[in-house]
Amino acid sequence: MNCHEVMDRAYEFEGNTALPFLTHLRIQLHLLHCGHCAGEIERLERTRLLMTGSFFPTAPKGLEERIMRSISLEDQMEEFSEAAFMENGAGVSFRSWVVTGLIILISLSTSFLGMDFSKVADHWGSSFLLPIGITIGAVISAYGALFIGSHLKELSDRFNLH
C-alpha cells in the first residue's frame, strides 16, 4: 500500500465502521515504516476525539427554538415586503419594459444612420462594423436578460412554463 491509499482508507472509514482485517493489517504495516502517514493518522484520531468529546460547550436551553423563530420571522417579513412591493405597483411594469426595449432597439439600430460611413470605411475598411454589431448585441442581450430575470413569474405564467 502506498501513502495515498493508506490515507484514502483512513478517511473512508473514519472510525464509523471497522476496517476489514487484511486492510487494517496492511495499514498497520505501512504505518510502521512511514512516519508521515503515522503522524497524519494520529492527528486524524486526535481531531476525531476532540470533535466527539466535550470540547464544544452545550447550547443554552431554547436556543434552537429562538433561532428557528427568528428565521421564520425573517421569511415572513420577506414575503410580506415582496407582496407589498408587487401590490403597490412599485417597480417597472411589463408594458414599460417592452416599450423601453423597443426604444433601445430602434435607437441603437438607427443611431449610425447619420454617420458618413464612406470616410470611416476608407480609413478602417469594413471591420468597423464588428464593434458596432458587438455593442448592439451586448446591449440587447443584457436588456433582455434583465427583463426576463425581473419578470420570470409573469413570463412563466403567460407561457405556461410551470
N, C-alpha and C. Protein backbone atom coordinates (compact mmCIF):
# COMPACT_ATOMS: atom_id res chain seq x y z
N MET A 1 0.85 -1.19 0.00
CA MET A 1 0.00 0.00 0.00
C MET A 1 0.89 1.24 0.00
N ASN A 2 0.53 2.20 -0.82
CA ASN A 2 1.28 3.45 -0.80
C ASN A 2 0.58 4.45 0.13
N CYS A 3 1.22 5.61 0.33
CA CYS A 3 0.71 6.61 1.27
C CYS A 3 -0.68 7.09 0.87
N HIS A 4 -0.89 7.29 -0.41
CA HIS A 4 -2.18 7.79 -0.89
C HIS A 4 -3.30 6.81 -0.55
N GLU A 5 -3.08 5.54 -0.78
CA GLU A 5 -4.09 4.52 -0.49
C GLU A 5 -4.38 4.43 1.00
N VAL A 6 -3.31 4.52 1.82
CA VAL A 6 -3.48 4.45 3.27
C VAL A 6 -4.35 5.59 3.76
N MET A 7 -4.06 6.81 3.30
CA MET A 7 -4.83 7.97 3.76
C MET A 7 -6.26 7.90 3.23
N ASP A 8 -6.45 7.40 2.02
CA ASP A 8 -7.80 7.24 1.49
C ASP A 8 -8.61 6.30 2.37
N ARG A 9 -8.00 5.17 2.75
CA ARG A 9 -8.70 4.20 3.60
C ARG A 9 -9.00 4.79 4.98
N ALA A 10 -8.06 5.54 5.51
CA ALA A 10 -8.26 6.13 6.84
C ALA A 10 -9.41 7.14 6.82
N TYR A 11 -9.49 7.96 5.78
CA TYR A 11 -10.57 8.93 5.68
C TYR A 11 -11.89 8.25 5.32
N GLU A 12 -11.80 7.16 4.57
CA GLU A 12 -13.01 6.46 4.14
C GLU A 12 -13.75 5.84 5.33
N PHE A 13 -13.01 5.24 6.24
CA PHE A 13 -13.66 4.55 7.35
C PHE A 13 -13.84 5.45 8.56
N GLU A 14 -12.96 6.37 8.81
CA GLU A 14 -13.04 7.38 9.86
C GLU A 14 -13.63 6.88 11.18
N GLY A 15 -13.40 5.67 11.54
CA GLY A 15 -13.85 5.18 12.84
C GLY A 15 -15.32 4.85 12.93
N ASN A 16 -16.09 5.10 11.88
CA ASN A 16 -17.52 4.80 11.91
C ASN A 16 -17.78 3.30 11.79
N THR A 17 -16.97 2.65 10.98
CA THR A 17 -17.11 1.20 10.80
C THR A 17 -15.73 0.58 10.95
N ALA A 18 -15.71 -0.69 11.22
CA ALA A 18 -14.44 -1.39 11.39
C ALA A 18 -13.84 -1.70 10.02
N LEU A 19 -12.53 -1.56 9.95
CA LEU A 19 -11.82 -1.91 8.72
C LEU A 19 -11.78 -3.42 8.56
N PRO A 20 -11.80 -3.91 7.34
CA PRO A 20 -11.57 -5.34 7.15
C PRO A 20 -10.20 -5.71 7.71
N PHE A 21 -10.07 -6.93 8.21
CA PHE A 21 -8.86 -7.34 8.91
C PHE A 21 -7.61 -7.17 8.05
N LEU A 22 -7.65 -7.64 6.82
CA LEU A 22 -6.46 -7.55 5.95
C LEU A 22 -6.10 -6.10 5.64
N THR A 23 -7.10 -5.27 5.44
CA THR A 23 -6.83 -3.85 5.18
C THR A 23 -6.21 -3.20 6.41
N HIS A 24 -6.75 -3.52 7.57
CA HIS A 24 -6.20 -2.99 8.82
C HIS A 24 -4.74 -3.43 9.00
N LEU A 25 -4.45 -4.68 8.70
CA LEU A 25 -3.09 -5.21 8.82
C LEU A 25 -2.14 -4.51 7.85
N ARG A 26 -2.58 -4.32 6.63
CA ARG A 26 -1.75 -3.64 5.63
C ARG A 26 -1.47 -2.19 6.02
N ILE A 27 -2.47 -1.52 6.58
CA ILE A 27 -2.28 -0.13 7.02
C ILE A 27 -1.29 -0.09 8.18
N GLN A 28 -1.42 -0.99 9.13
CA GLN A 28 -0.52 -1.01 10.28
C GLN A 28 0.92 -1.27 9.84
N LEU A 29 1.12 -2.17 8.86
CA LEU A 29 2.47 -2.42 8.34
C LEU A 29 3.03 -1.17 7.67
N HIS A 30 2.21 -0.48 6.94
CA HIS A 30 2.66 0.75 6.29
C HIS A 30 3.03 1.81 7.33
N LEU A 31 2.20 1.95 8.37
CA LEU A 31 2.45 2.96 9.40
C LEU A 31 3.74 2.68 10.17
N LEU A 32 4.17 1.40 10.25
CA LEU A 32 5.43 1.08 10.92
C LEU A 32 6.62 1.66 10.16
N HIS A 33 6.49 1.74 8.84
CA HIS A 33 7.61 2.20 8.02
C HIS A 33 7.49 3.66 7.57
N CYS A 34 6.31 4.24 7.67
CA CYS A 34 6.11 5.60 7.17
C CYS A 34 5.70 6.53 8.31
N GLY A 35 6.63 7.36 8.73
CA GLY A 35 6.35 8.29 9.82
C GLY A 35 5.36 9.38 9.44
N HIS A 36 5.39 9.77 8.17
CA HIS A 36 4.47 10.83 7.72
C HIS A 36 3.01 10.37 7.86
N CYS A 37 2.71 9.19 7.36
CA CYS A 37 1.34 8.67 7.45
C CYS A 37 0.95 8.41 8.90
N ALA A 38 1.89 7.93 9.70
CA ALA A 38 1.60 7.67 11.11
C ALA A 38 1.21 8.97 11.81
N GLY A 39 1.93 10.05 11.50
CA GLY A 39 1.59 11.36 12.08
C GLY A 39 0.23 11.85 11.62
N GLU A 40 -0.07 11.66 10.35
CA GLU A 40 -1.36 12.10 9.81
C GLU A 40 -2.50 11.32 10.46
N ILE A 41 -2.33 10.02 10.61
CA ILE A 41 -3.37 9.19 11.23
C ILE A 41 -3.57 9.60 12.68
N GLU A 42 -2.46 9.88 13.37
CA GLU A 42 -2.58 10.29 14.77
C GLU A 42 -3.30 11.63 14.89
N ARG A 43 -2.99 12.58 13.99
CA ARG A 43 -3.69 13.87 14.00
C ARG A 43 -5.18 13.68 13.69
N LEU A 44 -5.48 12.77 12.78
CA LEU A 44 -6.88 12.47 12.46
C LEU A 44 -7.61 11.93 13.68
N GLU A 45 -6.97 11.01 14.39
CA GLU A 45 -7.58 10.42 15.58
C GLU A 45 -7.79 11.47 16.67
N ARG A 46 -6.79 12.33 16.89
CA ARG A 46 -6.93 13.40 17.89
C ARG A 46 -8.08 14.33 17.54
N THR A 47 -8.16 14.69 16.27
CA THR A 47 -9.24 15.58 15.84
C THR A 47 -10.59 14.92 16.03
N ARG A 48 -10.69 13.64 15.68
CA ARG A 48 -11.94 12.91 15.86
C ARG A 48 -12.34 12.88 17.33
N LEU A 49 -11.38 12.61 18.23
CA LEU A 49 -11.68 12.58 19.66
C LEU A 49 -12.08 13.96 20.17
N LEU A 50 -11.42 14.98 19.66
CA LEU A 50 -11.73 16.35 20.07
C LEU A 50 -13.15 16.74 19.66
N MET A 51 -13.53 16.35 18.45
CA MET A 51 -14.84 16.72 17.93
C MET A 51 -15.97 15.93 18.59
N THR A 52 -15.70 14.70 18.99
CA THR A 52 -16.75 13.89 19.61
C THR A 52 -16.78 14.07 21.12
N GLY A 53 -15.75 14.64 21.69
CA GLY A 53 -15.69 14.81 23.13
C GLY A 53 -16.46 16.04 23.59
N SER A 54 -16.17 16.49 24.77
CA SER A 54 -16.87 17.63 25.36
C SER A 54 -16.11 18.93 25.11
N PHE A 55 -15.46 19.04 23.98
CA PHE A 55 -14.71 20.24 23.65
C PHE A 55 -15.64 21.44 23.45
N PHE A 56 -16.74 21.21 22.76
CA PHE A 56 -17.67 22.29 22.49
C PHE A 56 -18.71 22.34 23.61
N PRO A 57 -18.97 23.52 24.15
CA PRO A 57 -19.97 23.61 25.21
C PRO A 57 -21.37 23.37 24.65
N THR A 58 -22.26 22.94 25.51
CA THR A 58 -23.64 22.72 25.07
C THR A 58 -24.33 24.06 24.86
N ALA A 59 -25.27 24.07 23.96
CA ALA A 59 -26.00 25.29 23.65
C ALA A 59 -26.97 25.60 24.79
N PRO A 60 -27.24 26.88 25.01
CA PRO A 60 -28.22 27.22 26.06
C PRO A 60 -29.59 26.65 25.72
N LYS A 61 -30.36 26.40 26.75
CA LYS A 61 -31.69 25.80 26.56
C LYS A 61 -32.58 26.77 25.77
N GLY A 62 -33.24 26.26 24.77
CA GLY A 62 -34.16 27.06 23.98
C GLY A 62 -33.51 27.85 22.86
N LEU A 63 -32.19 27.71 22.67
CA LEU A 63 -31.50 28.48 21.62
C LEU A 63 -32.00 28.08 20.24
N GLU A 64 -32.16 26.80 20.02
CA GLU A 64 -32.61 26.33 18.71
C GLU A 64 -34.00 26.88 18.38
N GLU A 65 -34.89 26.88 19.37
CA GLU A 65 -36.24 27.41 19.13
C GLU A 65 -36.19 28.90 18.80
N ARG A 66 -35.36 29.66 19.51
CA ARG A 66 -35.26 31.10 19.23
C ARG A 66 -34.69 31.36 17.84
N ILE A 67 -33.69 30.57 17.44
CA ILE A 67 -33.10 30.75 16.11
C ILE A 67 -34.13 30.42 15.04
N MET A 68 -34.84 29.31 15.19
CA MET A 68 -35.84 28.93 14.20
C MET A 68 -36.98 29.94 14.13
N ARG A 69 -37.39 30.50 15.25
CA ARG A 69 -38.42 31.53 15.26
C ARG A 69 -37.94 32.78 14.54
N SER A 70 -36.69 33.14 14.76
CA SER A 70 -36.12 34.31 14.08
C SER A 70 -36.05 34.10 12.58
N ILE A 71 -35.66 32.91 12.15
CA ILE A 71 -35.61 32.60 10.71
C ILE A 71 -37.01 32.66 10.12
N SER A 72 -37.99 32.12 10.84
CA SER A 72 -39.37 32.13 10.37
C SER A 72 -39.88 33.56 10.22
N LEU A 73 -39.57 34.41 11.21
CA LEU A 73 -39.99 35.81 11.13
C LEU A 73 -39.34 36.53 9.95
N GLU A 74 -38.08 36.24 9.70
CA GLU A 74 -37.39 36.86 8.56
C GLU A 74 -38.04 36.43 7.25
N ASP A 75 -38.39 35.16 7.13
CA ASP A 75 -39.06 34.67 5.92
C ASP A 75 -40.41 35.35 5.73
N GLN A 76 -41.17 35.48 6.82
CA GLN A 76 -42.47 36.13 6.74
C GLN A 76 -42.33 37.60 6.33
N MET A 77 -41.30 38.27 6.86
CA MET A 77 -41.08 39.68 6.52
C MET A 77 -40.69 39.83 5.05
N GLU A 78 -39.89 38.91 4.53
CA GLU A 78 -39.51 38.96 3.12
C GLU A 78 -40.72 38.75 2.23
N GLU A 79 -41.56 37.77 2.57
CA GLU A 79 -42.76 37.52 1.78
C GLU A 79 -43.70 38.72 1.82
N PHE A 80 -43.84 39.33 3.00
CA PHE A 80 -44.71 40.48 3.14
C PHE A 80 -44.18 41.66 2.34
N SER A 81 -42.88 41.91 2.39
CA SER A 81 -42.32 43.05 1.65
C SER A 81 -42.42 42.83 0.16
N GLU A 82 -42.24 41.57 -0.33
CA GLU A 82 -42.39 41.30 -1.76
C GLU A 82 -43.83 41.50 -2.19
N ALA A 83 -44.78 41.04 -1.38
CA ALA A 83 -46.20 41.19 -1.72
C ALA A 83 -46.58 42.67 -1.74
N ALA A 84 -46.11 43.43 -0.75
CA ALA A 84 -46.42 44.86 -0.71
C ALA A 84 -45.79 45.58 -1.90
N PHE A 85 -44.60 45.16 -2.28
CA PHE A 85 -43.91 45.76 -3.42
C PHE A 85 -44.72 45.53 -4.69
N MET A 86 -45.22 44.32 -4.88
CA MET A 86 -45.99 44.00 -6.09
C MET A 86 -47.36 44.67 -6.08
N GLU A 87 -48.01 44.75 -4.91
CA GLU A 87 -49.35 45.34 -4.83
C GLU A 87 -49.31 46.85 -5.05
N ASN A 88 -48.30 47.51 -4.55
CA ASN A 88 -48.23 48.97 -4.66
C ASN A 88 -47.81 49.42 -6.05
N GLY A 89 -47.47 48.48 -6.90
CA GLY A 89 -47.09 48.86 -8.25
C GLY A 89 -45.69 49.46 -8.29
N ALA A 90 -44.96 49.33 -7.22
CA ALA A 90 -43.60 49.84 -7.23
C ALA A 90 -42.80 48.98 -8.20
N GLY A 91 -41.91 49.58 -8.90
CA GLY A 91 -41.17 48.85 -9.90
C GLY A 91 -41.67 49.23 -11.28
N VAL A 92 -41.15 48.60 -12.27
CA VAL A 92 -41.47 48.94 -13.65
C VAL A 92 -42.43 47.89 -14.20
N SER A 93 -43.49 48.38 -14.87
CA SER A 93 -44.50 47.46 -15.39
C SER A 93 -43.96 46.70 -16.60
N PHE A 94 -44.66 45.65 -16.93
CA PHE A 94 -44.31 44.82 -18.08
C PHE A 94 -44.33 45.65 -19.36
N ARG A 95 -45.36 46.44 -19.52
CA ARG A 95 -45.50 47.28 -20.71
C ARG A 95 -44.36 48.29 -20.82
N SER A 96 -43.96 48.87 -19.70
CA SER A 96 -42.85 49.84 -19.72
C SER A 96 -41.55 49.18 -20.15
N TRP A 97 -41.32 47.95 -19.70
CA TRP A 97 -40.11 47.23 -20.11
C TRP A 97 -40.10 46.99 -21.61
N VAL A 98 -41.25 46.59 -22.15
CA VAL A 98 -41.32 46.29 -23.58
C VAL A 98 -41.13 47.57 -24.40
N VAL A 99 -41.80 48.65 -23.99
CA VAL A 99 -41.66 49.92 -24.72
C VAL A 99 -40.22 50.41 -24.65
N THR A 100 -39.61 50.36 -23.48
CA THR A 100 -38.22 50.79 -23.33
C THR A 100 -37.29 49.94 -24.18
N GLY A 101 -37.54 48.64 -24.20
CA GLY A 101 -36.72 47.75 -25.02
C GLY A 101 -36.82 48.08 -26.50
N LEU A 102 -38.03 48.36 -26.97
CA LEU A 102 -38.20 48.75 -28.38
C LEU A 102 -37.49 50.07 -28.68
N ILE A 103 -37.57 51.02 -27.76
CA ILE A 103 -36.88 52.30 -27.96
C ILE A 103 -35.38 52.09 -28.03
N ILE A 104 -34.85 51.25 -27.16
CA ILE A 104 -33.41 50.97 -27.18
C ILE A 104 -33.03 50.30 -28.49
N LEU A 105 -33.81 49.32 -28.92
CA LEU A 105 -33.52 48.62 -30.17
C LEU A 105 -33.54 49.57 -31.36
N ILE A 106 -34.55 50.40 -31.44
CA ILE A 106 -34.66 51.35 -32.56
C ILE A 106 -33.54 52.37 -32.50
N SER A 107 -33.24 52.90 -31.31
CA SER A 107 -32.19 53.92 -31.21
C SER A 107 -30.82 53.35 -31.53
N LEU A 108 -30.54 52.11 -31.10
CA LEU A 108 -29.25 51.51 -31.43
C LEU A 108 -29.15 51.22 -32.93
N SER A 109 -30.25 50.80 -33.51
CA SER A 109 -30.23 50.46 -34.93
C SER A 109 -30.11 51.70 -35.82
N THR A 110 -30.72 52.79 -35.40
CA THR A 110 -30.73 53.99 -36.25
C THR A 110 -29.69 55.02 -35.87
N SER A 111 -28.97 54.83 -34.78
CA SER A 111 -28.01 55.85 -34.34
C SER A 111 -26.85 56.03 -35.31
N PHE A 112 -26.58 55.04 -36.12
CA PHE A 112 -25.45 55.12 -37.03
C PHE A 112 -25.85 55.58 -38.43
N LEU A 113 -27.14 55.85 -38.64
CA LEU A 113 -27.59 56.24 -39.98
C LEU A 113 -27.06 57.61 -40.40
N GLY A 114 -26.83 58.50 -39.45
CA GLY A 114 -26.35 59.83 -39.79
C GLY A 114 -24.85 59.91 -40.00
N MET A 115 -24.14 58.84 -39.77
CA MET A 115 -22.68 58.86 -39.91
C MET A 115 -22.29 58.78 -41.38
N ASP A 116 -21.16 59.39 -41.67
CA ASP A 116 -20.62 59.29 -43.03
C ASP A 116 -19.73 58.06 -43.08
N PHE A 117 -20.30 56.95 -43.49
CA PHE A 117 -19.58 55.68 -43.47
C PHE A 117 -18.49 55.59 -44.53
N SER A 118 -18.56 56.42 -45.53
CA SER A 118 -17.53 56.33 -46.57
C SER A 118 -16.17 56.73 -46.02
N LYS A 119 -16.11 57.76 -45.16
CA LYS A 119 -14.83 58.16 -44.56
C LYS A 119 -14.33 57.08 -43.59
N VAL A 120 -15.25 56.56 -42.80
CA VAL A 120 -14.87 55.52 -41.84
C VAL A 120 -14.43 54.26 -42.57
N ALA A 121 -15.17 53.90 -43.64
CA ALA A 121 -14.83 52.69 -44.39
C ALA A 121 -13.50 52.85 -45.12
N ASP A 122 -13.19 54.08 -45.63
CA ASP A 122 -11.91 54.30 -46.27
C ASP A 122 -10.76 54.14 -45.28
N HIS A 123 -10.97 54.61 -44.06
CA HIS A 123 -9.90 54.56 -43.05
C HIS A 123 -9.78 53.17 -42.41
N TRP A 124 -10.89 52.56 -42.02
CA TRP A 124 -10.87 51.31 -41.27
C TRP A 124 -11.21 50.07 -42.11
N GLY A 125 -11.77 50.28 -43.25
CA GLY A 125 -12.26 49.14 -44.01
C GLY A 125 -13.61 48.73 -43.45
N SER A 126 -14.10 47.59 -43.81
CA SER A 126 -15.41 47.17 -43.32
C SER A 126 -15.35 46.58 -41.91
N SER A 127 -14.16 46.51 -41.33
CA SER A 127 -14.03 45.92 -39.99
C SER A 127 -14.62 46.81 -38.90
N PHE A 128 -14.97 48.06 -39.20
CA PHE A 128 -15.56 48.93 -38.19
C PHE A 128 -16.97 48.47 -37.81
N LEU A 129 -17.59 47.65 -38.63
CA LEU A 129 -18.93 47.17 -38.32
C LEU A 129 -18.94 46.13 -37.20
N LEU A 130 -17.83 45.44 -37.01
CA LEU A 130 -17.77 44.42 -35.96
C LEU A 130 -17.99 45.00 -34.56
N PRO A 131 -17.27 46.06 -34.14
CA PRO A 131 -17.55 46.62 -32.80
C PRO A 131 -18.97 47.17 -32.67
N ILE A 132 -19.51 47.70 -33.76
CA ILE A 132 -20.88 48.22 -33.71
C ILE A 132 -21.84 47.06 -33.47
N GLY A 133 -21.67 45.98 -34.20
CA GLY A 133 -22.54 44.82 -34.03
C GLY A 133 -22.40 44.20 -32.65
N ILE A 134 -21.18 44.13 -32.14
CA ILE A 134 -20.97 43.58 -30.80
C ILE A 134 -21.63 44.45 -29.75
N THR A 135 -21.51 45.77 -29.90
CA THR A 135 -22.13 46.68 -28.94
C THR A 135 -23.64 46.55 -28.94
N ILE A 136 -24.23 46.54 -30.12
CA ILE A 136 -25.68 46.41 -30.22
C ILE A 136 -26.13 45.07 -29.64
N GLY A 137 -25.43 44.00 -29.98
CA GLY A 137 -25.78 42.68 -29.46
C GLY A 137 -25.65 42.60 -27.95
N ALA A 138 -24.59 43.19 -27.39
CA ALA A 138 -24.39 43.14 -25.93
C ALA A 138 -25.47 43.91 -25.20
N VAL A 139 -25.82 45.08 -25.70
CA VAL A 139 -26.84 45.89 -25.04
C VAL A 139 -28.20 45.18 -25.10
N ILE A 140 -28.55 44.66 -26.25
CA ILE A 140 -29.84 43.97 -26.39
C ILE A 140 -29.87 42.71 -25.52
N SER A 141 -28.77 41.96 -25.48
CA SER A 141 -28.71 40.75 -24.65
C SER A 141 -28.83 41.08 -23.17
N ALA A 142 -28.12 42.11 -22.72
CA ALA A 142 -28.17 42.50 -21.31
C ALA A 142 -29.57 42.98 -20.94
N TYR A 143 -30.16 43.77 -21.79
CA TYR A 143 -31.51 44.25 -21.51
C TYR A 143 -32.51 43.08 -21.48
N GLY A 144 -32.38 42.17 -22.42
CA GLY A 144 -33.26 41.01 -22.43
C GLY A 144 -33.10 40.15 -21.20
N ALA A 145 -31.86 39.96 -20.76
CA ALA A 145 -31.63 39.16 -19.55
C ALA A 145 -32.22 39.84 -18.32
N LEU A 146 -32.07 41.16 -18.20
CA LEU A 146 -32.67 41.89 -17.07
C LEU A 146 -34.19 41.81 -17.12
N PHE A 147 -34.73 41.94 -18.32
CA PHE A 147 -36.19 41.87 -18.48
C PHE A 147 -36.71 40.50 -18.07
N ILE A 148 -36.10 39.45 -18.58
CA ILE A 148 -36.56 38.10 -18.25
C ILE A 148 -36.36 37.81 -16.77
N GLY A 149 -35.21 38.21 -16.22
CA GLY A 149 -34.94 37.96 -14.81
C GLY A 149 -35.90 38.68 -13.88
N SER A 150 -36.32 39.88 -14.24
CA SER A 150 -37.21 40.63 -13.36
C SER A 150 -38.67 40.27 -13.56
N HIS A 151 -39.02 39.58 -14.63
CA HIS A 151 -40.40 39.21 -14.90
C HIS A 151 -40.55 37.70 -15.09
N LEU A 152 -39.76 36.94 -14.39
CA LEU A 152 -39.76 35.50 -14.57
C LEU A 152 -41.12 34.87 -14.25
N LYS A 153 -41.73 35.31 -13.16
CA LYS A 153 -43.02 34.74 -12.77
C LYS A 153 -44.09 35.08 -13.79
N GLU A 154 -44.15 36.34 -14.22
CA GLU A 154 -45.17 36.73 -15.20
C GLU A 154 -44.98 35.98 -16.52
N LEU A 155 -43.73 35.85 -16.96
CA LEU A 155 -43.47 35.16 -18.23
C LEU A 155 -43.80 33.68 -18.14
N SER A 156 -43.45 33.06 -17.00
CA SER A 156 -43.76 31.64 -16.87
C SER A 156 -45.27 31.42 -16.78
N ASP A 157 -46.01 32.34 -16.15
CA ASP A 157 -47.46 32.22 -16.11
C ASP A 157 -48.06 32.42 -17.50
N ARG A 158 -47.55 33.41 -18.23
CA ARG A 158 -48.09 33.73 -19.54
C ARG A 158 -47.87 32.58 -20.55
N PHE A 159 -46.69 31.93 -20.49
CA PHE A 159 -46.36 30.89 -21.45
C PHE A 159 -46.52 29.48 -20.86
N ASN A 160 -47.19 29.37 -19.72
CA ASN A 160 -47.46 28.08 -19.05
C ASN A 160 -46.19 27.24 -18.91
N LEU A 161 -45.17 27.82 -18.29
CA LEU A 161 -43.90 27.12 -18.09
C LEU A 161 -43.76 26.68 -16.63
N HIS A 162 -44.71 25.96 -16.15
CA HIS A 162 -44.67 25.53 -14.75
C HIS A 162 -44.06 24.19 -14.62
